PDB file of N, CA and C in Angstrom:
ATOM      1  N   MET A   1       0.868  -1.172   0.043  1.00  0.00           N
ATOM      2  CA  MET A   1       0.072   0.076   0.010  1.00  0.00           C
ATOM      3  C   MET A   1       0.897   1.143   0.035  1.00  0.00           C
ATOM      4  N   ASN A   2       0.597   2.050  -0.988  1.00  0.00           N
ATOM      5  CA  ASN A   2       1.536   3.363  -0.918  1.00  0.00           C
ATOM      6  C   ASN A   2       0.824   4.409  -0.110  1.00  0.00           C
ATOM      7  N   GLU A   3       1.735   5.593   0.044  1.00  0.00           N
ATOM      8  CA  GLU A   3       1.474   6.490   1.043  1.00  0.00           C
ATOM      9  C   GLU A   3      -0.073   7.196   0.827  1.00  0.00           C
ATOM     10  N   SER A   4      -0.421   7.268  -0.545  1.00  0.00           N
ATOM     11  CA  SER A   4      -1.632   8.075  -0.760  1.00  0.00           C
ATOM     12  C   SER A   4      -2.760   7.150  -0.522  1.00  0.00           C
ATOM     13  N   THR A   5      -2.596   5.789  -0.440  1.00  0.00           N
ATOM     14  CA  THR A   5      -3.811   4.933  -0.229  1.00  0.00           C
ATOM     15  C   THR A   5      -3.813   4.564   1.313  1.00  0.00           C
ATOM     16  N   SER A   6      -2.616   4.601   2.016  1.00  0.00           N
ATOM     17  CA  SER A   6      -2.595   4.183   3.316  1.00  0.00           C
ATOM     18  C   SER A   6      -3.245   5.168   4.250  1.00  0.00           C
ATOM     19  N   LYS A   7      -3.368   6.427   3.759  1.00  0.00           N
ATOM     20  CA  LYS A   7      -4.152   7.482   4.679  1.00  0.00           C
ATOM     21  C   LYS A   7      -5.595   7.721   4.211  1.00  0.00           C
ATOM     22  N   ARG A   8      -5.982   6.893   3.505  1.00  0.00           N
ATOM     23  CA  ARG A   8      -7.358   7.202   2.927  1.00  0.00           C
ATOM     24  C   ARG A   8      -8.421   6.730   3.954  1.00  0.00           C
ATOM     25  N   VAL A   9      -9.492   7.557   4.066  1.00  0.00           N
ATOM     26  CA  VAL A   9     -10.613   7.244   4.910  1.00  0.00           C
ATOM     27  C   VAL A   9     -11.724   6.455   3.973  1.00  0.00           C
ATOM     28  N   PHE A  10     -12.238   5.537   4.597  1.00  0.00           N
ATOM     29  CA  PHE A  10     -13.205   4.731   3.977  1.00  0.00           C
ATOM     30  C   PHE A  10     -14.687   5.130   4.566  1.00  0.00           C
ATOM     31  N   ASN A  11     -15.623   5.553   3.757  1.00  0.00           N
ATOM     32  CA  ASN A  11     -16.882   5.956   4.262  1.00  0.00           C
ATOM     33  C   ASN A  11     -17.946   4.770   4.075  1.00  0.00           C
ATOM     34  N   PHE A  12     -18.370   4.274   5.062  1.00  0.00           N
ATOM     35  CA  PHE A  12     -19.324   3.217   5.078  1.00  0.00           C
ATOM     36  C   PHE A  12     -20.826   3.634   5.202  1.00  0.00           C
ATOM     37  N   SER A  13     -21.054   4.889   5.442  1.00  0.00           N
ATOM     38  CA  SER A  13     -22.339   5.383   5.568  1.00  0.00           C
ATOM     39  C   SER A  13     -23.095   5.563   4.294  1.00  0.00           C
ATOM     40  N   ALA A  14     -24.373   5.820   4.381  1.00  0.00           N
ATOM     41  CA  ALA A  14     -25.163   6.222   3.184  1.00  0.00           C
ATOM     42  C   ALA A  14     -24.567   7.262   2.446  1.00  0.00           C
ATOM     43  N   GLY A  15     -24.702   7.248   1.149  1.00  0.00           N
ATOM     44  CA  GLY A  15     -24.272   8.445   0.339  1.00  0.00           C
ATOM     45  C   GLY A  15     -22.966   8.140  -0.428  1.00  0.00           C
ATOM     46  N   PRO A  16     -22.201   9.070  -0.615  1.00  0.00           N
ATOM     47  CA  PRO A  16     -20.989   8.968  -1.458  1.00  0.00           C
ATOM     48  C   PRO A  16     -20.099   7.879  -0.743  1.00  0.00           C
ATOM     49  N   CYS A  17     -19.255   7.265  -1.589  1.00  0.00           N
ATOM     50  CA  CYS A  17     -18.525   6.073  -1.058  1.00  0.00           C
ATOM     51  C   CYS A  17     -16.928   6.493  -1.464  1.00  0.00           C
ATOM     52  N   THR A  18     -16.115   5.642  -0.933  1.00  0.00           N
ATOM     53  CA  THR A  18     -14.677   5.800  -1.313  1.00  0.00           C
ATOM     54  C   THR A  18     -14.448   5.177  -2.646  1.00  0.00           C
ATOM     55  N   LEU A  19     -13.920   5.958  -3.587  1.00  0.00           N
ATOM     56  CA  LEU A  19     -13.567   5.524  -4.928  1.00  0.00           C
ATOM     57  C   LEU A  19     -12.120   5.029  -5.054  1.00  0.00           C
ATOM     58  N   PRO A  20     -11.971   4.098  -5.977  1.00  0.00           N
ATOM     59  CA  PRO A  20     -10.627   3.677  -6.258  1.00  0.00           C
ATOM     60  C   PRO A  20      -9.641   4.932  -6.717  1.00  0.00           C
ATOM     61  N   ILE A  21      -8.445   4.883  -6.367  1.00  0.00           N
ATOM     62  CA  ILE A  21      -7.573   5.883  -6.838  1.00  0.00           C
ATOM     63  C   ILE A  21      -7.533   6.046  -8.335  1.00  0.00           C
ATOM     64  N   THR A  22      -7.423   5.040  -9.002  1.00  0.00           N
ATOM     65  CA  THR A  22      -7.448   5.139 -10.410  1.00  0.00           C
ATOM     66  C   THR A  22      -8.701   5.939 -10.998  1.00  0.00           C
ATOM     67  N   VAL A  23      -9.781   5.733 -10.514  1.00  0.00           N
ATOM     68  CA  VAL A  23     -11.083   6.315 -10.942  1.00  0.00           C
ATOM     69  C   VAL A  23     -10.854   7.898 -10.523  1.00  0.00           C
ATOM     70  N   LEU A  24     -10.371   8.232  -9.407  1.00  0.00           N
ATOM     71  CA  LEU A  24     -10.169   9.651  -9.015  1.00  0.00           C
ATOM     72  C   LEU A  24      -9.064  10.385  -9.871  1.00  0.00           C
ATOM     73  N   GLU A  25      -8.078   9.571 -10.205  1.00  0.00           N
ATOM     74  CA  GLU A  25      -7.001  10.072 -11.149  1.00  0.00           C
ATOM     75  C   GLU A  25      -7.456  10.420 -12.506  1.00  0.00           C
ATOM     76  N   GLU A  26      -8.315   9.515 -13.120  1.00  0.00           N
ATOM     77  CA  GLU A  26      -8.960   9.739 -14.308  1.00  0.00           C
ATOM     78  C   GLU A  26      -9.898  10.934 -14.318  1.00  0.00           C
ATOM     79  N   ALA A  27     -10.631  10.991 -13.282  1.00  0.00           N
ATOM     80  CA  ALA A  27     -11.559  12.113 -13.090  1.00  0.00           C
ATOM     81  C   ALA A  27     -10.826  13.453 -13.019  1.00  0.00           C
ATOM     82  N   GLN A  28      -9.717  13.420 -12.325  1.00  0.00           N
ATOM     83  CA  GLN A  28      -8.909  14.547 -12.108  1.00  0.00           C
ATOM     84  C   GLN A  28      -8.421  15.078 -13.462  1.00  0.00           C
ATOM     85  N   GLN A  29      -7.867  14.227 -14.329  1.00  0.00           N
ATOM     86  CA  GLN A  29      -7.395  14.551 -15.650  1.00  0.00           C
ATOM     87  C   GLN A  29      -8.451  15.052 -16.489  1.00  0.00           C
ATOM     88  N   GLU A  30      -9.641  14.494 -16.512  1.00  0.00           N
ATOM     89  CA  GLU A  30     -10.807  14.938 -17.270  1.00  0.00           C
ATOM     90  C   GLU A  30     -11.408  16.225 -16.758  1.00  0.00           C
ATOM     91  N   PHE A  31     -11.202  16.550 -15.413  1.00  0.00           N
ATOM     92  CA  PHE A  31     -11.714  17.804 -14.894  1.00  0.00           C
ATOM     93  C   PHE A  31     -11.022  18.894 -15.677  1.00  0.00           C
ATOM     94  N   VAL A  32      -9.789  18.684 -16.040  1.00  0.00           N
ATOM     95  CA  VAL A  32      -9.052  19.842 -16.637  1.00  0.00           C
ATOM     96  C   VAL A  32      -9.374  19.789 -18.188  1.00  0.00           C
ATOM     97  N   GLU A  33      -9.389  18.672 -18.817  1.00  0.00           N
ATOM     98  CA  GLU A  33      -9.712  18.698 -20.353  1.00  0.00           C
ATOM     99  C   GLU A  33     -10.376  17.289 -20.561  1.00  0.00           C
ATOM    100  N   TYR A  34     -11.557  17.437 -21.034  1.00  0.00           N
ATOM    101  CA  TYR A  34     -12.344  16.252 -21.428  1.00  0.00           C
ATOM    102  C   TYR A  34     -12.218  15.933 -22.848  1.00  0.00           C
ATOM    103  N   GLN A  35     -11.737  14.702 -23.069  1.00  0.00           N
ATOM    104  CA  GLN A  35     -11.594  14.029 -24.401  1.00  0.00           C
ATOM    105  C   GLN A  35     -11.053  15.110 -25.501  1.00  0.00           C
ATOM    106  N   ASP A  36      -9.902  15.683 -25.050  1.00  0.00           N
ATOM    107  CA  ASP A  36      -9.207  16.518 -26.105  1.00  0.00           C
ATOM    108  C   ASP A  36     -10.104  17.661 -26.612  1.00  0.00           C
ATOM    109  N   SER A  37     -11.076  18.044 -25.757  1.00  0.00           N
ATOM    110  CA  SER A  37     -12.032  19.208 -26.195  1.00  0.00           C
ATOM    111  C   SER A  37     -11.479  20.656 -25.969  1.00  0.00           C
ATOM    112  N   GLY A  38     -10.464  20.677 -25.188  1.00  0.00           N
ATOM    113  CA  GLY A  38      -9.925  21.956 -24.797  1.00  0.00           C
ATOM    114  C   GLY A  38     -10.489  22.598 -23.609  1.00  0.00           C
ATOM    115  N   MET A  39     -11.512  21.852 -22.920  1.00  0.00           N
ATOM    116  CA  MET A  39     -12.097  22.311 -21.706  1.00  0.00           C
ATOM    117  C   MET A  39     -12.642  21.239 -20.907  1.00  0.00           C
ATOM    118  N   SER A  40     -13.068  21.483 -19.633  1.00  0.00           N
ATOM    119  CA  SER A  40     -13.601  20.490 -18.884  1.00  0.00           C
ATOM    120  C   SER A  40     -15.104  20.210 -19.197  1.00  0.00           C
ATOM    121  N   LEU A  41     -15.582  19.145 -18.674  1.00  0.00           N
ATOM    122  CA  LEU A  41     -17.021  18.789 -19.028  1.00  0.00           C
ATOM    123  C   LEU A  41     -17.941  19.817 -18.253  1.00  0.00           C
ATOM    124  N   ILE A  42     -17.470  20.201 -17.075  1.00  0.00           N
ATOM    125  CA  ILE A  42     -18.259  21.175 -16.385  1.00  0.00           C
ATOM    126  C   ILE A  42     -18.384  22.624 -17.024  1.00  0.00           C
ATOM    127  N   GLU A  43     -17.374  22.963 -17.954  1.00  0.00           N
ATOM    128  CA  GLU A  43     -17.313  24.293 -18.621  1.00  0.00           C
ATOM    129  C   GLU A  43     -17.972  24.254 -19.831  1.00  0.00           C
ATOM    130  N   MET A  44     -18.492  23.074 -20.309  1.00  0.00           N
ATOM    131  CA  MET A  44     -19.223  23.001 -21.617  1.00  0.00           C
ATOM    132  C   MET A  44     -20.709  23.372 -21.567  1.00  0.00           C
ATOM    133  N   SER A  45     -21.157  23.663 -22.695  1.00  0.00           N
ATOM    134  CA  SER A  45     -22.683  23.859 -22.798  1.00  0.00           C
ATOM    135  C   SER A  45     -23.418  22.476 -22.396  1.00  0.00           C
ATOM    136  N   HIS A  46     -24.578  22.672 -21.762  1.00  0.00           N
ATOM    137  CA  HIS A  46     -25.229  21.460 -21.553  1.00  0.00           C
ATOM    138  C   HIS A  46     -26.008  20.929 -22.738  1.00  0.00           C
ATOM    139  N   ARG A  47     -25.930  21.705 -23.808  1.00  0.00           N
ATOM    140  CA  ARG A  47     -26.436  21.234 -25.120  1.00  0.00           C
ATOM    141  C   ARG A  47     -25.327  20.837 -26.105  1.00  0.00           C
ATOM    142  N   GLY A  48     -24.167  20.902 -25.634  1.00  0.00           N
ATOM    143  CA  GLY A  48     -23.031  20.375 -26.586  1.00  0.00           C
ATOM    144  C   GLY A  48     -22.904  19.011 -26.740  1.00  0.00           C
ATOM    145  N   LYS A  49     -22.187  18.488 -27.701  1.00  0.00           N
ATOM    146  CA  LYS A  49     -22.155  17.094 -28.144  1.00  0.00           C
ATOM    147  C   LYS A  49     -21.458  16.323 -26.976  1.00  0.00           C
ATOM    148  N   HIS A  50     -20.417  16.755 -26.373  1.00  0.00           N
ATOM    149  CA  HIS A  50     -19.669  16.000 -25.342  1.00  0.00           C
ATOM    150  C   HIS A  50     -20.599  15.853 -24.190  1.00  0.00           C
ATOM    151  N   PHE A  51     -21.202  16.920 -23.597  1.00  0.00           N
ATOM    152  CA  PHE A  51     -22.039  16.758 -22.532  1.00  0.00           C
ATOM    153  C   PHE A  51     -23.269  15.870 -22.804  1.00  0.00           C
ATOM    154  N   MET A  52     -23.838  16.160 -23.973  1.00  0.00           N
ATOM    155  CA  MET A  52     -24.974  15.189 -24.319  1.00  0.00           C
ATOM    156  C   MET A  52     -24.710  13.723 -24.378  1.00  0.00           C
ATOM    157  N   ALA A  53     -23.620  13.512 -24.931  1.00  0.00           N
ATOM    158  CA  ALA A  53     -23.137  12.076 -24.949  1.00  0.00           C
ATOM    159  C   ALA A  53     -22.863  11.523 -23.525  1.00  0.00           C
ATOM    160  N   VAL A  54     -22.388  12.287 -22.596  1.00  0.00           N
ATOM    161  CA  VAL A  54     -22.221  11.755 -21.144  1.00  0.00           C
ATOM    162  C   VAL A  54     -23.583  11.637 -20.566  1.00  0.00           C
ATOM    163  N   HIS A  55     -24.460  12.625 -20.868  1.00  0.00           N
ATOM    164  CA  HIS A  55     -25.781  12.510 -20.317  1.00  0.00           C
ATOM    165  C   HIS A  55     -26.585  11.265 -20.802  1.00  0.00           C
ATOM    166  N   GLU A  56     -26.581  11.198 -21.997  1.00  0.00           N
ATOM    167  CA  GLU A  56     -27.156   9.962 -22.563  1.00  0.00           C
ATOM    168  C   GLU A  56     -26.652   8.609 -22.118  1.00  0.00           C
ATOM    169  N   GLU A  57     -25.256   8.586 -21.997  1.00  0.00           N
ATOM    170  CA  GLU A  57     -24.729   7.317 -21.401  1.00  0.00           C
ATOM    171  C   GLU A  57     -25.180   7.099 -19.999  1.00  0.00           C
ATOM    172  N   ALA A  58     -25.074   8.171 -19.187  1.00  0.00           N
ATOM    173  CA  ALA A  58     -25.577   8.007 -17.713  1.00  0.00           C
ATOM    174  C   ALA A  58     -27.027   7.554 -17.704  1.00  0.00           C
ATOM    175  N   LYS A  59     -27.865   8.089 -18.455  1.00  0.00           N
ATOM    176  CA  LYS A  59     -29.443   7.652 -18.434  1.00  0.00           C
ATOM    177  C   LYS A  59     -29.471   6.319 -18.829  1.00  0.00           C
ATOM    178  N   SER A  60     -28.657   5.831 -19.868  1.00  0.00           N
ATOM    179  CA  SER A  60     -28.750   4.411 -20.346  1.00  0.00           C
ATOM    180  C   SER A  60     -28.265   3.573 -19.219  1.00  0.00           C
ATOM    181  N   LEU A  61     -27.186   3.779 -18.680  1.00  0.00           N
ATOM    182  CA  LEU A  61     -26.569   2.994 -17.694  1.00  0.00           C
ATOM    183  C   LEU A  61     -27.542   2.891 -16.394  1.00  0.00           C
ATOM    184  N   ALA A  62     -28.200   4.054 -16.032  1.00  0.00           N
ATOM    185  CA  ALA A  62     -29.105   3.990 -14.920  1.00  0.00           C
ATOM    186  C   ALA A  62     -30.301   3.154 -15.278  1.00  0.00           C
ATOM    187  N   PHE A  63     -30.851   3.193 -16.338  1.00  0.00           N
ATOM    188  CA  PHE A  63     -31.946   2.320 -16.883  1.00  0.00           C
ATOM    189  C   PHE A  63     -31.595   0.921 -16.888  1.00  0.00           C
ATOM    190  N   LYS A  64     -30.363   0.592 -17.311  1.00  0.00           N
ATOM    191  CA  LYS A  64     -29.934  -0.812 -17.296  1.00  0.00           C
ATOM    192  C   LYS A  64     -29.677  -1.385 -15.956  1.00  0.00           C
ATOM    193  N   TYR A  65     -28.933  -0.625 -15.084  1.00  0.00           N
ATOM    194  CA  TYR A  65     -28.536  -1.191 -13.757  1.00  0.00           C
ATOM    195  C   TYR A  65     -29.685  -1.137 -12.761  1.00  0.00           C
ATOM    196  N   PHE A  66     -30.670  -0.248 -12.952  1.00  0.00           N
ATOM    197  CA  PHE A  66     -31.795  -0.183 -12.020  1.00  0.00           C
ATOM    198  C   PHE A  66     -32.953  -0.946 -12.602  1.00  0.00           C
ATOM    199  N   ASN A  67     -32.808  -1.507 -13.822  1.00  0.00           N
ATOM    200  CA  ASN A  67     -33.804  -2.344 -14.405  1.00  0.00           C
ATOM    201  C   ASN A  67     -35.066  -1.583 -14.718  1.00  0.00           C
ATOM    202  N   VAL A  68     -35.000  -0.408 -15.290  1.00  0.00           N
ATOM    203  CA  VAL A  68     -36.100   0.630 -15.530  1.00  0.00           C
ATOM    204  C   VAL A  68     -36.525   0.494 -17.067  1.00  0.00           C
ATOM    205  N   GLN A  69     -37.742   0.311 -17.323  1.00  0.00           N
ATOM    206  CA  GLN A  69     -38.127   0.216 -18.632  1.00  0.00           C
ATOM    207  C   GLN A  69     -38.675   1.643 -18.916  1.00  0.00           C
ATOM    208  N   MET A  70     -38.327   2.155 -20.029  1.00  0.00           N
ATOM    209  CA  MET A  70     -38.752   3.594 -20.450  1.00  0.00           C
ATOM    210  C   MET A  70     -39.936   3.537 -21.305  1.00  0.00           C
ATOM    211  N   SER A  71     -40.996   4.117 -20.966  1.00  0.00           N
ATOM    212  CA  SER A  71     -42.232   4.184 -21.711  1.00  0.00           C
ATOM    213  C   SER A  71     -42.087   5.235 -22.773  1.00  0.00           C
ATOM    214  N   LEU A  72     -42.573   4.942 -23.996  1.00  0.00           N
ATOM    215  CA  LEU A  72     -42.456   5.980 -25.080  1.00  0.00           C
ATOM    216  C   LEU A  72     -43.834   6.619 -25.269  1.00  0.00           C
ATOM    217  N   LYS A  73     -44.693   6.789 -24.391  1.00  0.00           N
ATOM    218  CA  LYS A  73     -46.049   7.284 -24.427  1.00  0.00           C
ATOM    219  C   LYS A  73     -45.753   8.892 -24.425  1.00  0.00           C
TER     220      LYS A  73
END
């Protein structure tokens, strides 16, 4: 265990959890620049192609993992 992981606090309560270091490092890099776009995802328009792709993937994964069927009515 290296120094950065040996001092980590693990949250076992409801809500946010402790994420793997590799996930946090990837998020850290993408926070500065998302997929060679020149900006971070949070700086982008909520109608832009990068943001909309992330939004659609998140919805799709949520429907899949929570076994939600979407009605087209």
